[in-house]
Amino acid sequence: MVKLWAKTLSTTYNASGAAAAARMGDVVMIVDVIDMSTTAEAALEAGAISVLGASPDHHQVPVTVNPEKIGYYGGKKALKHETGVIIAAEPRLINEENERLNEIQQVIRGIDRAGAELLEVVPNIGREVVQLTDFAGKVLIIVSPSGGTAFDAAYNYGAPEVITGTVARINQKTGNKAAEDAARRAIETANRLKCGISVVAASSNSMEDIQAAQYICQLIINQGFLEME
C-alpha cells in the first residue's frame, strides 16, 4: 500500500512557534519584515550563497537556541564554497559597531571554530544592506532578537530546512514579487523534502510580520501546494 504524502500548511508565531514547527518536521519559513527576512532577501538577490539566522548573545527566549552552532554551520558552509562569512546584526545605526560586536560573540566563536573567515559585520537594515558590502558568493548570518532567534530555534529543534520570506520591496523586486518568490521557495523546498510548511511570523507583537505570514500562506495555497496530485 502506497503511503500518500499529506501536504500541510500552518502559520505560527515567535521562536516557540518556530521550534514547534521544526519538531513536526516542517520546512520553516521565517517572516521578519523589519528587518531580518528583508535583509536576507536583499542579500540573496545580491548573490549570497546562503543566509542563516541566529539569536543575539544575551537574548532570552523560552526555547533552546545555540548561536555558536549557527556560526559553526555557517563557517563550514563558507569553507565548502571557499568563501567567507558576513554577519548582519543590530543595532541598525552605522556607528554602533561596538554594541553589535557585544551581541554576536557566540556566532563569531562558532565561525572561528569552523576555521572560516569573518569578512565583515554590517547593520541589519533591510534592503539597503547591499549598499554596505558585496554579498556575492558569501555566507550571511543575520543576528537579530526576533527573526534571527526564530531561525535559530527552528534549526536547533531539527527543522529539515529553515528559509526566509518577506513582503517588503527589494532593490530589484516589488513587494508582491518578493512575496511570490517566498511562496515558491517554500513550495519547492517542501516538495523536495516531502514535508509540510510552517510560516512563522517572527514576532506576535508585530502586525507587519503577522499579516505578511498570512499573505505568504495565501500565496502558497494559490500556487497549488495543497492540491492533491
Protein backbone atom coordinates (compact mmCIF):
# COMPACT_ATOMS: atom_id res chain seq x y z
CA MET A 1 0.00 0.00 0.00
CA VAL A 2 1.44 3.36 -1.03
CA LYS A 3 1.50 5.93 1.73
CA LEU A 4 0.28 9.30 0.49
CA TRP A 5 2.20 12.42 1.40
CA ALA A 6 -0.18 14.63 3.35
CA LYS A 7 0.70 18.23 2.49
CA THR A 8 0.12 20.64 5.36
CA LEU A 9 0.40 24.40 5.74
CA SER A 10 0.45 26.31 9.03
CA THR A 11 1.02 29.80 10.35
CA THR A 12 2.67 30.20 13.73
CA TYR A 13 4.42 32.84 15.80
CA ASN A 14 7.64 33.63 17.66
CA ALA A 15 10.65 31.42 18.37
CA SER A 16 8.44 28.99 20.32
CA GLY A 17 6.22 28.50 17.28
CA ALA A 18 9.29 28.00 15.09
CA ALA A 19 10.55 25.32 17.48
CA ALA A 20 7.19 23.54 17.49
CA ALA A 21 7.04 23.62 13.68
CA ALA A 22 10.53 22.14 13.50
CA ARG A 23 9.55 19.30 15.83
CA MET A 24 6.66 18.49 13.46
CA GLY A 25 9.18 18.09 10.65
CA ASP A 26 8.02 21.08 8.59
CA VAL A 27 10.04 23.34 6.39
CA VAL A 28 10.08 26.54 8.47
CA MET A 29 9.88 29.94 6.79
CA ILE A 30 10.79 32.92 8.99
CA VAL A 31 8.98 36.17 8.21
CA ASP A 32 10.55 39.19 9.93
CA VAL A 33 9.75 42.11 7.67
CA ILE A 34 11.68 44.69 9.73
CA ASP A 35 14.37 43.64 9.08
CA MET A 36 15.79 40.11 9.18
CA SER A 37 13.97 38.43 6.31
CA THR A 38 14.14 41.60 4.20
CA THR A 39 17.90 41.79 4.73
CA ALA A 40 18.04 38.11 3.77
CA GLU A 41 16.06 38.63 0.56
CA ALA A 42 18.24 41.57 -0.47
CA ALA A 43 21.42 39.57 0.18
CA LEU A 44 20.14 36.57 -1.79
CA GLU A 45 19.22 38.87 -4.66
CA ALA A 46 22.77 40.26 -4.49
CA GLY A 47 24.27 36.78 -4.84
CA ALA A 48 24.71 35.44 -1.30
CA ILE A 49 25.01 31.65 -1.46
CA SER A 50 23.32 31.08 1.90
CA VAL A 51 21.54 33.10 4.61
CA LEU A 52 21.20 31.91 8.20
CA GLY A 53 19.75 33.47 11.35
CA ALA A 54 20.97 33.43 14.93
CA SER A 55 19.96 34.75 18.32
CA PRO A 56 21.92 37.59 19.96
CA ASP A 57 24.12 36.52 22.86
CA HIS A 58 22.01 37.89 25.70
CA HIS A 59 18.51 37.39 24.31
CA GLN A 60 16.22 35.26 26.50
CA VAL A 61 13.54 33.03 24.95
CA PRO A 62 11.59 30.02 26.32
CA VAL A 63 13.14 27.60 23.82
CA THR A 64 16.68 26.39 23.15
CA VAL A 65 18.86 28.47 20.85
CA ASN A 66 22.52 27.97 20.04
CA PRO A 67 24.14 30.88 18.16
CA GLU A 68 27.57 29.25 18.26
CA LYS A 69 26.17 26.22 16.44
CA ILE A 70 24.74 28.52 13.76
CA GLY A 71 28.12 30.22 13.42
CA TYR A 72 29.85 26.86 13.09
CA TYR A 73 27.38 25.66 10.47
CA GLY A 74 27.74 28.91 8.52
CA GLY A 75 31.50 28.71 8.76
CA LYS A 76 31.59 25.14 7.45
CA LYS A 77 29.30 26.11 4.58
CA ALA A 78 31.62 29.00 3.73
CA LEU A 79 34.66 26.70 3.73
CA LYS A 80 32.86 24.28 1.43
CA HIS A 81 32.34 27.08 -1.07
CA GLU A 82 35.82 28.58 -0.49
CA THR A 83 34.40 31.87 0.74
CA GLY A 84 33.87 33.81 3.98
CA VAL A 85 31.07 34.87 6.31
CA ILE A 86 29.37 38.24 6.71
CA ILE A 87 27.34 38.99 9.85
CA ALA A 88 24.43 41.44 9.88
CA ALA A 89 23.44 42.47 13.39
CA GLU A 90 21.68 45.10 15.47
CA PRO A 91 21.50 47.91 16.41
CA ARG A 92 20.87 49.29 12.95
CA LEU A 93 22.80 52.53 13.37
CA ILE A 94 26.01 52.51 11.33
CA ASN A 95 28.18 53.91 14.14
CA GLU A 96 27.12 51.35 16.80
CA GLU A 97 29.70 48.72 15.87
CA ASN A 98 30.86 48.02 19.43
CA GLU A 99 27.33 47.26 20.57
CA ARG A 100 26.82 44.96 17.59
CA LEU A 101 30.01 43.09 18.45
CA ASN A 102 28.84 42.59 22.05
CA GLU A 103 25.82 40.60 20.85
CA ILE A 104 27.50 38.32 18.28
CA GLN A 105 30.40 36.77 20.18
CA GLN A 106 28.86 33.28 20.21
CA VAL A 107 28.34 33.34 16.44
CA ILE A 108 31.91 34.58 15.96
CA ARG A 109 33.16 31.77 18.20
CA GLY A 110 31.36 29.25 16.01
CA ILE A 111 32.81 30.73 12.82
CA ASP A 112 36.30 30.62 14.34
CA ARG A 113 35.81 27.02 15.48
CA ALA A 114 34.85 26.07 11.93
CA GLY A 115 38.07 27.64 10.67
CA ALA A 116 36.28 30.12 8.42
CA GLU A 117 36.96 33.81 7.91
CA LEU A 118 34.66 36.53 9.25
CA LEU A 119 34.78 39.11 6.48
CA GLU A 120 32.66 41.93 7.86
CA VAL A 121 29.99 42.94 10.36
CA VAL A 122 27.23 45.20 8.99
CA PRO A 123 23.94 46.56 10.38
CA ASN A 124 20.74 44.59 9.84
CA ILE A 125 18.93 47.33 7.91
CA GLY A 126 16.83 45.58 5.29
CA ARG A 127 17.17 46.11 1.56
CA GLU A 128 19.73 48.93 1.90
CA VAL A 129 22.25 46.47 3.36
CA VAL A 130 23.51 45.72 -0.15
CA GLN A 131 24.91 49.25 -0.30
CA LEU A 132 27.29 48.43 2.57
CA THR A 133 29.14 45.38 1.23
CA ASP A 134 29.33 42.80 -1.56
CA PHE A 135 27.33 39.66 -0.74
CA ALA A 136 28.07 37.80 -3.97
CA GLY A 137 29.35 34.31 -3.22
CA LYS A 138 29.31 34.87 0.57
CA VAL A 139 27.51 33.28 3.51
CA LEU A 140 25.40 35.71 5.56
CA ILE A 141 24.40 35.18 9.19
CA ILE A 142 21.79 37.63 10.50
CA VAL A 143 21.81 38.04 14.27
CA SER A 144 18.56 39.59 15.50
CA PRO A 145 16.22 39.18 18.51
CA SER A 146 13.09 38.24 16.53
CA GLY A 147 13.81 36.74 13.11
CA GLY A 148 17.31 35.55 13.95
CA THR A 149 16.14 33.92 17.16
CA ALA A 150 13.19 32.20 15.45
CA PHE A 151 15.55 30.87 12.75
CA ASP A 152 18.00 29.68 15.44
CA ALA A 153 15.22 27.86 17.32
CA ALA A 154 13.88 26.15 14.19
CA TYR A 155 17.36 24.99 13.22
CA ASN A 156 18.19 23.68 16.69
CA TYR A 157 14.88 21.82 17.02
CA GLY A 158 15.62 19.88 13.86
CA ALA A 159 13.69 21.53 11.02
CA PRO A 160 14.61 19.79 7.76
CA GLU A 161 15.28 23.24 6.34
CA VAL A 162 14.85 26.84 7.55
CA ILE A 163 14.25 29.57 4.98
CA THR A 164 13.09 33.18 4.97
CA GLY A 165 10.44 35.25 3.22
CA THR A 166 9.28 38.84 3.08
CA VAL A 167 6.67 41.09 1.51
CA ALA A 168 8.91 44.14 1.51
CA ARG A 169 10.17 45.78 -1.66
CA ILE A 170 13.72 44.73 -2.51
CA ASN A 171 16.09 46.53 -4.84
CA GLN A 172 15.04 44.60 -7.97
CA LYS A 173 11.66 43.31 -6.76
CA THR A 174 8.32 44.74 -5.80
CA GLY A 175 6.82 43.57 -2.53
CA ASN A 176 4.37 41.35 -4.43
CA LYS A 177 7.21 39.71 -6.35
CA ALA A 178 9.20 39.14 -3.15
CA ALA A 179 6.16 37.50 -1.55
CA GLU A 180 5.53 35.32 -4.62
CA ASP A 181 9.18 34.24 -4.60
CA ALA A 182 8.90 33.40 -0.89
CA ALA A 183 5.84 31.22 -1.53
CA ARG A 184 7.57 29.47 -4.44
CA ARG A 185 10.71 28.92 -2.33
CA ALA A 186 8.67 27.29 0.41
CA ILE A 187 6.81 25.04 -2.04
CA GLU A 188 9.96 23.95 -3.86
CA THR A 189 11.68 23.13 -0.57
CA ALA A 190 8.70 21.20 0.81
CA ASN A 191 8.28 19.26 -2.44
CA ARG A 192 11.95 18.33 -2.42
CA LEU A 193 11.86 17.18 1.21
CA LYS A 194 8.31 15.74 1.12
CA CYS A 195 7.12 17.64 4.18
CA GLY A 196 4.72 20.36 5.29
CA ILE A 197 5.30 24.10 5.50
CA SER A 198 5.09 26.32 8.57
CA VAL A 199 5.28 30.07 8.01
CA VAL A 200 6.45 31.81 11.18
CA ALA A 201 5.65 35.42 12.00
CA ALA A 202 8.85 36.22 13.89
CA SER A 203 7.06 38.41 16.42
CA SER A 204 3.45 38.08 17.52
CA ASN A 205 3.71 41.74 18.58
CA SER A 206 4.46 42.84 15.01
CA MET A 207 1.40 43.40 12.82
CA GLU A 208 3.57 43.52 9.70
CA ASP A 209 5.01 40.06 10.46
CA ILE A 210 1.58 38.58 11.19
CA GLN A 211 -0.06 39.98 8.06
CA ALA A 212 2.94 39.11 5.88
CA ALA A 213 2.97 35.50 7.12
CA GLN A 214 -0.75 35.16 6.42
CA TYR A 215 -0.34 36.70 2.96
CA ILE A 216 2.51 34.34 2.03
CA CYS A 217 0.41 31.40 3.23
CA GLN A 218 -2.40 32.51 0.93
CA LEU A 219 0.05 32.69 -1.97
CA ILE A 220 1.25 29.16 -1.16
CA ILE A 221 -2.36 28.00 -1.40
CA ASN A 222 -2.90 29.97 -4.61
CA GLN A 223 0.17 28.35 -6.16
CA GLY A 224 -1.44 24.95 -5.61
CA PHE A 225 0.64 23.44 -2.85
CA LEU A 226 -2.31 21.85 -1.04
CA GLU A 227 -3.91 20.36 -4.16
CA MET A 228 -3.94 16.58 -4.45
CA GLU A 229 -1.70 15.24 -7.19
